[in-house]
Amino acid sequence: MAAHVYGHIDIINDPNELQALIQKTVDFCEGYYEEKWVPEFTTPFIQGLMNGVVEFQIFITKIESKWKLSQNHPLERKKTPYKVFED
């Protein structure tokens, strides 16, 4: 399947929002570990990492999708993916 998503982007330049997003992401990703990593946002290392992150939102206005199963192959081969679903 191919998908094209259209819209406009909004860059968020608020350091507090970025910190909250990073914390939310860390909480989600570290949630499965007994010892969770806790970012110390005041350290130069974390501040340097945050300088390299751009937070943004995409406001979607249009989505287009298309199934593209074996489109460049002979007819018999094109039927192969569909046979899986027939059984």
PDB file of N, CA and C in Angstrom:
ATOM      1  N   MET A   1       0.841  -1.166   0.000  1.00  0.00           N
ATOM      2  CA  MET A   1       0.000   0.000   0.000  1.00  0.00           C
ATOM      3  C   MET A   1       0.887   1.229   0.000  1.00  0.00           C
ATOM      4  N   ALA A   2       0.501   2.208  -0.747  1.00  0.00           N
ATOM      5  CA  ALA A   2       1.199   3.492  -0.746  1.00  0.00           C
ATOM      6  C   ALA A   2       0.240   4.533  -0.188  1.00  0.00           C
ATOM      7  N   ALA A   3       0.769   5.440   0.608  1.00  0.00           N
ATOM      8  CA  ALA A   3      -0.068   6.494   1.185  1.00  0.00           C
ATOM      9  C   ALA A   3       0.622   7.835   1.014  1.00  0.00           C
ATOM     10  N   HIS A   4      -0.167   8.830   0.684  1.00  0.00           N
ATOM     11  CA  HIS A   4       0.311  10.207   0.600  1.00  0.00           C
ATOM     12  C   HIS A   4      -0.545  11.026   1.553  1.00  0.00           C
ATOM     13  N   VAL A   5       0.116  11.762   2.426  1.00  0.00           N
ATOM     14  CA  VAL A   5      -0.585  12.585   3.405  1.00  0.00           C
ATOM     15  C   VAL A   5      -0.229  14.038   3.133  1.00  0.00           C
ATOM     16  N   TYR A   6      -1.241  14.866   3.039  1.00  0.00           N
ATOM     17  CA  TYR A   6      -1.049  16.284   2.756  1.00  0.00           C
ATOM     18  C   TYR A   6      -1.538  17.109   3.942  1.00  0.00           C
ATOM     19  N   GLY A   7      -0.915  18.243   4.151  1.00  0.00           N
ATOM     20  CA  GLY A   7      -1.337  19.121   5.231  1.00  0.00           C
ATOM     21  C   GLY A   7      -0.338  20.240   5.416  1.00  0.00           C
ATOM     22  N   HIS A   8      -0.410  20.866   6.563  1.00  0.00           N
ATOM     23  CA  HIS A   8       0.573  21.903   6.868  1.00  0.00           C
ATOM     24  C   HIS A   8       1.200  21.612   8.226  1.00  0.00           C
ATOM     25  N   ILE A   9       2.391  22.124   8.396  1.00  0.00           N
ATOM     26  CA  ILE A   9       3.191  21.827   9.574  1.00  0.00           C
ATOM     27  C   ILE A   9       3.259  23.058  10.476  1.00  0.00           C
ATOM     28  N   ASP A  10       3.272  22.806  11.758  1.00  0.00           N
ATOM     29  CA  ASP A  10       3.392  23.864  12.754  1.00  0.00           C
ATOM     30  C   ASP A  10       4.607  23.533  13.625  1.00  0.00           C
ATOM     31  N   ILE A  11       5.645  24.349  13.538  1.00  0.00           N
ATOM     32  CA  ILE A  11       6.847  24.166  14.354  1.00  0.00           C
ATOM     33  C   ILE A  11       6.570  24.724  15.748  1.00  0.00           C
ATOM     34  N   ILE A  12       6.908  23.947  16.765  1.00  0.00           N
ATOM     35  CA  ILE A  12       6.689  24.367  18.149  1.00  0.00           C
ATOM     36  C   ILE A  12       8.041  24.743  18.741  1.00  0.00           C
ATOM     37  N   ASN A  13       8.187  25.985  19.133  1.00  0.00           N
ATOM     38  CA  ASN A  13       9.468  26.496  19.638  1.00  0.00           C
ATOM     39  C   ASN A  13       9.483  26.711  21.145  1.00  0.00           C
ATOM     40  N   ASP A  14       8.584  26.086  21.869  1.00  0.00           N
ATOM     41  CA  ASP A  14       8.504  26.248  23.316  1.00  0.00           C
ATOM     42  C   ASP A  14       9.357  25.171  23.998  1.00  0.00           C
ATOM     43  N   PRO A  15      10.454  25.546  24.680  1.00  0.00           N
ATOM     44  CA  PRO A  15      11.317  24.555  25.329  1.00  0.00           C
ATOM     45  C   PRO A  15      10.584  23.728  26.385  1.00  0.00           C
ATOM     46  N   ASN A  16       9.604  24.312  27.060  1.00  0.00           N
ATOM     47  CA  ASN A  16       8.849  23.559  28.066  1.00  0.00           C
ATOM     48  C   ASN A  16       7.994  22.473  27.421  1.00  0.00           C
ATOM     49  N   GLU A  17       7.398  22.781  26.276  1.00  0.00           N
ATOM     50  CA  GLU A  17       6.624  21.770  25.552  1.00  0.00           C
ATOM     51  C   GLU A  17       7.531  20.658  25.038  1.00  0.00           C
ATOM     52  N   LEU A  18       8.718  21.029  24.557  1.00  0.00           N
ATOM     53  CA  LEU A  18       9.672  20.028  24.082  1.00  0.00           C
ATOM     54  C   LEU A  18      10.097  19.121  25.229  1.00  0.00           C
ATOM     55  N   GLN A  19      10.383  19.697  26.374  1.00  0.00           N
ATOM     56  CA  GLN A  19      10.775  18.901  27.540  1.00  0.00           C
ATOM     57  C   GLN A  19       9.644  17.947  27.935  1.00  0.00           C
ATOM     58  N   ALA A  20       8.413  18.422  27.914  1.00  0.00           N
ATOM     59  CA  ALA A  20       7.270  17.570  28.254  1.00  0.00           C
ATOM     60  C   ALA A  20       7.115  16.429  27.252  1.00  0.00           C
ATOM     61  N   LEU A  21       7.323  16.720  25.968  1.00  0.00           N
ATOM     62  CA  LEU A  21       7.232  15.684  24.941  1.00  0.00           C
ATOM     63  C   LEU A  21       8.328  14.638  25.123  1.00  0.00           C
ATOM     64  N   ILE A  22       9.542  15.089  25.392  1.00  0.00           N
ATOM     65  CA  ILE A  22      10.648  14.151  25.609  1.00  0.00           C
ATOM     66  C   ILE A  22      10.367  13.293  26.836  1.00  0.00           C
ATOM     67  N   GLN A  23       9.873  13.897  27.903  1.00  0.00           N
ATOM     68  CA  GLN A  23       9.564  13.136  29.116  1.00  0.00           C
ATOM     69  C   GLN A  23       8.476  12.101  28.843  1.00  0.00           C
ATOM     70  N   LYS A  24       7.458  12.481  28.088  1.00  0.00           N
ATOM     71  CA  LYS A  24       6.379  11.552  27.738  1.00  0.00           C
ATOM     72  C   LYS A  24       6.918  10.389  26.903  1.00  0.00           C
ATOM     73  N   THR A  25       7.808  10.695  25.968  1.00  0.00           N
ATOM     74  CA  THR A  25       8.403   9.660  25.122  1.00  0.00           C
ATOM     75  C   THR A  25       9.278   8.719  25.941  1.00  0.00           C
ATOM     76  N   VAL A  26      10.090   9.283  26.828  1.00  0.00           N
ATOM     77  CA  VAL A  26      10.947   8.468  27.697  1.00  0.00           C
ATOM     78  C   VAL A  26      10.086   7.578  28.585  1.00  0.00           C
ATOM     79  N   ASP A  27       9.037   8.127  29.170  1.00  0.00           N
ATOM     80  CA  ASP A  27       8.155   7.334  30.031  1.00  0.00           C
ATOM     81  C   ASP A  27       7.549   6.166  29.266  1.00  0.00           C
ATOM     82  N   PHE A  28       7.145   6.415  28.027  1.00  0.00           N
ATOM     83  CA  PHE A  28       6.560   5.356  27.213  1.00  0.00           C
ATOM     84  C   PHE A  28       7.596   4.284  26.875  1.00  0.00           C
ATOM     85  N   CYS A  29       8.769   4.715  26.413  1.00  0.00           N
ATOM     86  CA  CYS A  29       9.796   3.771  25.962  1.00  0.00           C
ATOM     87  C   CYS A  29      10.471   3.036  27.118  1.00  0.00           C
ATOM     88  N   GLU A  30      10.592   3.680  28.247  1.00  0.00           N
ATOM     89  CA  GLU A  30      11.266   3.079  29.393  1.00  0.00           C
ATOM     90  C   GLU A  30      10.292   2.341  30.312  1.00  0.00           C
ATOM     91  N   GLY A  31       9.021   2.396  30.018  1.00  0.00           N
ATOM     92  CA  GLY A  31       8.001   1.827  30.891  1.00  0.00           C
ATOM     93  C   GLY A  31       8.142   0.344  31.154  1.00  0.00           C
ATOM     94  N   TYR A  32       8.816  -0.381  30.295  1.00  0.00           N
ATOM     95  CA  TYR A  32       8.940  -1.827  30.436  1.00  0.00           C
ATOM     96  C   TYR A  32      10.148  -2.248  31.266  1.00  0.00           C
ATOM     97  N   TYR A  33      11.016  -1.318  31.587  1.00  0.00           N
ATOM     98  CA  TYR A  33      12.238  -1.638  32.310  1.00  0.00           C
ATOM     99  C   TYR A  33      12.060  -1.410  33.806  1.00  0.00           C
ATOM    100  N   GLU A  34      12.710  -2.261  34.605  1.00  0.00           N
ATOM    101  CA  GLU A  34      12.671  -2.060  36.053  1.00  0.00           C
ATOM    102  C   GLU A  34      13.382  -0.772  36.434  1.00  0.00           C
ATOM    103  N   GLU A  35      14.583  -0.578  35.877  1.00  0.00           N
ATOM    104  CA  GLU A  35      15.336   0.649  36.139  1.00  0.00           C
ATOM    105  C   GLU A  35      15.147   1.579  34.947  1.00  0.00           C
ATOM    106  N   LYS A  36      14.379   2.605  35.153  1.00  0.00           N
ATOM    107  CA  LYS A  36      14.056   3.528  34.070  1.00  0.00           C
ATOM    108  C   LYS A  36      15.070   4.665  34.007  1.00  0.00           C
ATOM    109  N   TRP A  37      15.391   5.082  32.793  1.00  0.00           N
ATOM    110  CA  TRP A  37      16.272   6.226  32.607  1.00  0.00           C
ATOM    111  C   TRP A  37      15.476   7.486  32.882  1.00  0.00           C
ATOM    112  N   VAL A  38      16.044   8.367  33.669  1.00  0.00           N
ATOM    113  CA  VAL A  38      15.390   9.633  33.999  1.00  0.00           C
ATOM    114  C   VAL A  38      16.265  10.756  33.456  1.00  0.00           C
ATOM    115  N   PRO A  39      15.793  11.474  32.439  1.00  0.00           N
ATOM    116  CA  PRO A  39      16.611  12.556  31.883  1.00  0.00           C
ATOM    117  C   PRO A  39      16.720  13.723  32.860  1.00  0.00           C
ATOM    118  N   GLU A  40      17.926  14.231  32.989  1.00  0.00           N
ATOM    119  CA  GLU A  40      18.156  15.422  33.812  1.00  0.00           C
ATOM    120  C   GLU A  40      18.251  16.595  32.845  1.00  0.00           C
ATOM    121  N   PHE A  41      17.149  17.307  32.704  1.00  0.00           N
ATOM    122  CA  PHE A  41      17.023  18.325  31.670  1.00  0.00           C
ATOM    123  C   PHE A  41      17.942  19.527  31.861  1.00  0.00           C
ATOM    124  N   THR A  42      18.554  19.651  33.030  1.00  0.00           N
ATOM    125  CA  THR A  42      19.427  20.810  33.270  1.00  0.00           C
ATOM    126  C   THR A  42      20.881  20.541  32.907  1.00  0.00           C
ATOM    127  N   THR A  43      21.232  19.296  32.572  1.00  0.00           N
ATOM    128  CA  THR A  43      22.625  18.985  32.253  1.00  0.00           C
ATOM    129  C   THR A  43      22.971  19.463  30.843  1.00  0.00           C
ATOM    130  N   PRO A  44      24.225  19.847  30.629  1.00  0.00           N
ATOM    131  CA  PRO A  44      24.641  20.282  29.285  1.00  0.00           C
ATOM    132  C   PRO A  44      24.405  19.208  28.217  1.00  0.00           C
ATOM    133  N   PHE A  45      24.574  17.940  28.593  1.00  0.00           N
ATOM    134  CA  PHE A  45      24.381  16.853  27.631  1.00  0.00           C
ATOM    135  C   PHE A  45      22.936  16.831  27.125  1.00  0.00           C
ATOM    136  N   ILE A  46      21.978  16.842  28.034  1.00  0.00           N
ATOM    137  CA  ILE A  46      20.567  16.803  27.641  1.00  0.00           C
ATOM    138  C   ILE A  46      20.179  18.091  26.923  1.00  0.00           C
ATOM    139  N   GLN A  47      20.694  19.219  27.380  1.00  0.00           N
ATOM    140  CA  GLN A  47      20.412  20.489  26.706  1.00  0.00           C
ATOM    141  C   GLN A  47      20.922  20.451  25.263  1.00  0.00           C
ATOM    142  N   GLY A  48      22.103  19.857  25.065  1.00  0.00           N
ATOM    143  CA  GLY A  48      22.650  19.718  23.715  1.00  0.00           C
ATOM    144  C   GLY A  48      21.782  18.836  22.840  1.00  0.00           C
ATOM    145  N   LEU A  49      21.283  17.736  23.420  1.00  0.00           N
ATOM    146  CA  LEU A  49      20.384  16.869  22.661  1.00  0.00           C
ATOM    147  C   LEU A  49      19.100  17.608  22.286  1.00  0.00           C
ATOM    148  N   MET A  50      18.567  18.358  23.235  1.00  0.00           N
ATOM    149  CA  MET A  50      17.320  19.083  22.980  1.00  0.00           C
ATOM    150  C   MET A  50      17.492  20.141  21.894  1.00  0.00           C
ATOM    151  N   ASN A  51      18.691  20.705  21.778  1.00  0.00           N
ATOM    152  CA  ASN A  51      18.945  21.692  20.723  1.00  0.00           C
ATOM    153  C   ASN A  51      18.866  21.072  19.332  1.00  0.00           C
ATOM    154  N   GLY A  52      19.041  19.756  19.253  1.00  0.00           N
ATOM    155  CA  GLY A  52      18.982  19.069  17.971  1.00  0.00           C
ATOM    156  C   GLY A  52      17.613  18.496  17.641  1.00  0.00           C
ATOM    157  N   VAL A  53      16.624  18.754  18.490  1.00  0.00           N
ATOM    158  CA  VAL A  53      15.279  18.212  18.286  1.00  0.00           C
ATOM    159  C   VAL A  53      14.334  19.339  17.882  1.00  0.00           C
ATOM    160  N   VAL A  54      13.550  19.087  16.847  1.00  0.00           N
ATOM    161  CA  VAL A  54      12.534  20.050  16.421  1.00  0.00           C
ATOM    162  C   VAL A  54      11.169  19.402  16.650  1.00  0.00           C
ATOM    163  N   GLU A  55      10.382  20.014  17.509  1.00  0.00           N
ATOM    164  CA  GLU A  55       9.037  19.510  17.771  1.00  0.00           C
ATOM    165  C   GLU A  55       8.080  20.156  16.775  1.00  0.00           C
ATOM    166  N   PHE A  56       7.176  19.333  16.225  1.00  0.00           N
ATOM    167  CA  PHE A  56       6.223  19.869  15.256  1.00  0.00           C
ATOM    168  C   PHE A  56       4.926  19.084  15.297  1.00  0.00           C
ATOM    169  N   GLN A  57       3.893  19.683  14.750  1.00  0.00           N
ATOM    170  CA  GLN A  57       2.607  19.032  14.547  1.00  0.00           C
ATOM    171  C   GLN A  57       2.282  19.121  13.066  1.00  0.00           C
ATOM    172  N   ILE A  58       1.621  18.094  12.561  1.00  0.00           N
ATOM    173  CA  ILE A  58       1.151  18.124  11.182  1.00  0.00           C
ATOM    174  C   ILE A  58      -0.373  18.119  11.216  1.00  0.00           C
ATOM    175  N   PHE A  59      -0.962  19.103  10.577  1.00  0.00           N
ATOM    176  CA  PHE A  59      -2.414  19.182  10.460  1.00  0.00           C
ATOM    177  C   PHE A  59      -2.792  18.613   9.098  1.00  0.00           C
ATOM    178  N   ILE A  60      -3.378  17.431   9.108  1.00  0.00           N
ATOM    179  CA  ILE A  60      -3.671  16.698   7.875  1.00  0.00           C
ATOM    180  C   ILE A  60      -4.916  17.271   7.213  1.00  0.00           C
ATOM    181  N   THR A  61      -4.788  17.541   5.918  1.00  0.00           N
ATOM    182  CA  THR A  61      -5.922  18.046   5.144  1.00  0.00           C
ATOM    183  C   THR A  61      -6.421  17.029   4.121  1.00  0.00           C
ATOM    184  N   LYS A  62      -5.564  16.063   3.755  1.00  0.00           N
ATOM    185  CA  LYS A  62      -5.966  15.089   2.737  1.00  0.00           C
ATOM    186  C   LYS A  62      -5.089  13.847   2.855  1.00  0.00           C
ATOM    187  N   ILE A  63      -5.711  12.679   2.697  1.00  0.00           N
ATOM    188  CA  ILE A  63      -4.980  11.408   2.681  1.00  0.00           C
ATOM    189  C   ILE A  63      -5.392  10.655   1.426  1.00  0.00           C
ATOM    190  N   GLU A  64      -4.396  10.182   0.686  1.00  0.00           N
ATOM    191  CA  GLU A  64      -4.645   9.349  -0.488  1.00  0.00           C
ATOM    192  C   GLU A  64      -3.898   8.040  -0.284  1.00  0.00           C
ATOM    193  N   SER A  65      -4.542   6.926  -0.634  1.00  0.00           N
ATOM    194  CA  SER A  65      -3.856   5.638  -0.524  1.00  0.00           C
ATOM    195  C   SER A  65      -4.230   4.768  -1.718  1.00  0.00           C
ATOM    196  N   LYS A  66      -3.363   3.796  -1.980  1.00  0.00           N
ATOM    197  CA  LYS A  66      -3.580   2.922  -3.124  1.00  0.00           C
ATOM    198  C   LYS A  66      -2.888   1.592  -2.849  1.00  0.00           C
ATOM    199  N   TRP A  67      -3.589   0.515  -3.146  1.00  0.00           N
ATOM    200  CA  TRP A  67      -2.972  -0.801  -3.051  1.00  0.00           C
ATOM    201  C   TRP A  67      -2.075  -1.000  -4.261  1.00  0.00           C
ATOM    202  N   LYS A  68      -0.868  -1.471  -4.029  1.00  0.00           N
ATOM    203  CA  LYS A  68       0.084  -1.653  -5.126  1.00  0.00           C
ATOM    204  C   LYS A  68       0.695  -3.052  -5.012  1.00  0.00           C
ATOM    205  N   LEU A  69      -0.117  -4.065  -5.185  1.00  0.00           N
ATOM    206  CA  LEU A  69       0.367  -5.429  -5.044  1.00  0.00           C
ATOM    207  C   LEU A  69       0.855  -5.967  -6.383  1.00  0.00           C
ATOM    208  N   SER A  70       2.139  -6.172  -6.498  1.00  0.00           N
ATOM    209  CA  SER A  70       2.753  -6.799  -7.680  1.00  0.00           C
ATOM    210  C   SER A  70       2.393  -6.098  -8.981  1.00  0.00           C
ATOM    211  N   GLN A  71       2.331  -4.801  -9.001  1.00  0.00           N
ATOM    212  CA  GLN A  71       1.845  -4.059 -10.157  1.00  0.00           C
ATOM    213  C   GLN A  71       2.713  -4.188 -11.404  1.00  0.00           C
ATOM    214  N   ASN A  72       3.987  -4.468 -11.249  1.00  0.00           N
ATOM    215  CA  ASN A  72       4.880  -4.508 -12.410  1.00  0.00           C
ATOM    216  C   ASN A  72       5.169  -5.935 -12.879  1.00  0.00           C
ATOM    217  N   HIS A  73       4.289  -6.871 -12.546  1.00  0.00           N
ATOM    218  CA  HIS A  73       4.530  -8.275 -12.858  1.00  0.00           C
ATOM    219  C   HIS A  73       3.453  -8.806 -13.801  1.00  0.00           C
ATOM    220  N   PRO A  74       3.725  -9.957 -14.433  1.00  0.00           N
ATOM    221  CA  PRO A  74       2.723 -10.577 -15.307  1.00  0.00           C
ATOM    222  C   PRO A  74       1.443 -10.905 -14.520  1.00  0.00           C
ATOM    223  N   LEU A  75       0.338 -11.084 -15.235  1.00  0.00           N
ATOM    224  CA  LEU A  75      -0.967 -11.309 -14.624  1.00  0.00           C
ATOM    225  C   LEU A  75      -0.960 -12.461 -13.619  1.00  0.00           C
ATOM    226  N   GLU A  76      -0.349 -13.586 -13.965  1.00  0.00           N
ATOM    227  CA  GLU A  76      -0.341 -14.735 -13.050  1.00  0.00           C
ATOM    228  C   GLU A  76       0.337 -14.395 -11.720  1.00  0.00           C
ATOM    229  N   ARG A  77       1.405 -13.657 -11.796  1.00  0.00           N
ATOM    230  CA  ARG A  77       2.110 -13.287 -10.562  1.00  0.00           C
ATOM    231  C   ARG A  77       1.316 -12.246  -9.770  1.00  0.00           C
ATOM    232  N   LYS A  78       0.586 -11.387 -10.466  1.00  0.00           N
ATOM    233  CA  LYS A  78      -0.244 -10.395  -9.780  1.00  0.00           C
ATOM    234  C   LYS A  78      -1.316 -11.062  -8.929  1.00  0.00           C
ATOM    235  N   LYS A  79      -1.775 -12.226  -9.366  1.00  0.00           N
ATOM    236  CA  LYS A  79      -2.829 -12.931  -8.634  1.00  0.00           C
ATOM    237  C   LYS A  79      -2.309 -13.581  -7.353  1.00  0.00           C
ATOM    238  N   THR A  80      -1.016 -13.793  -7.252  1.00  0.00           N
ATOM    239  CA  THR A  80      -0.429 -14.515  -6.120  1.00  0.00           C
ATOM    240  C   THR A  80      -0.767 -13.904  -4.760  1.00  0.00           C
ATOM    241  N   PRO A  81      -0.601 -12.602  -4.536  1.00  0.00           N
ATOM    242  CA  PRO A  81      -0.931 -12.067  -3.206  1.00  0.00           C
ATOM    243  C   PRO A  81      -2.393 -12.279  -2.823  1.00  0.00           C
ATOM    244  N   TYR A  82      -3.280 -12.232  -3.800  1.00  0.00           N
ATOM    245  CA  TYR A  82      -4.699 -12.392  -3.514  1.00  0.00           C
ATOM    246  C   TYR A  82      -5.045 -13.832  -3.154  1.00  0.00           C
ATOM    247  N   LYS A  83      -4.297 -14.803  -3.689  1.00  0.00           N
ATOM    248  CA  LYS A  83      -4.554 -16.211  -3.400  1.00  0.00           C
ATOM    249  C   LYS A  83      -4.381 -16.506  -1.916  1.00  0.00           C
ATOM    250  N   VAL A  84      -3.488 -15.804  -1.269  1.00  0.00           N
ATOM    251  CA  VAL A  84      -3.264 -15.995   0.168  1.00  0.00           C
ATOM    252  C   VAL A  84      -4.549 -15.715   0.940  1.00  0.00           C
ATOM    253  N   PHE A  85      -5.284 -14.701   0.518  1.00  0.00           N
ATOM    254  CA  PHE A  85      -6.493 -14.305   1.232  1.00  0.00           C
ATOM    255  C   PHE A  85      -7.703 -15.166   0.877  1.00  0.00           C
ATOM    256  N   GLU A  86      -7.635 -15.880  -0.247  1.00  0.00           N
ATOM    257  CA  GLU A  86      -8.749 -16.725  -0.655  1.00  0.00           C
ATOM    258  C   GLU A  86      -8.845 -17.980   0.198  1.00  0.00           C
ATOM    259  N   ASP A  87      -7.723 -18.461   0.711  1.00  0.00           N
ATOM    260  CA  ASP A  87      -7.708 -19.716   1.485  1.00  0.00           C
ATOM    261  C   ASP A  87      -8.129 -19.523   2.867  1.00  0.00           C
TER     262      ASP A  87
END
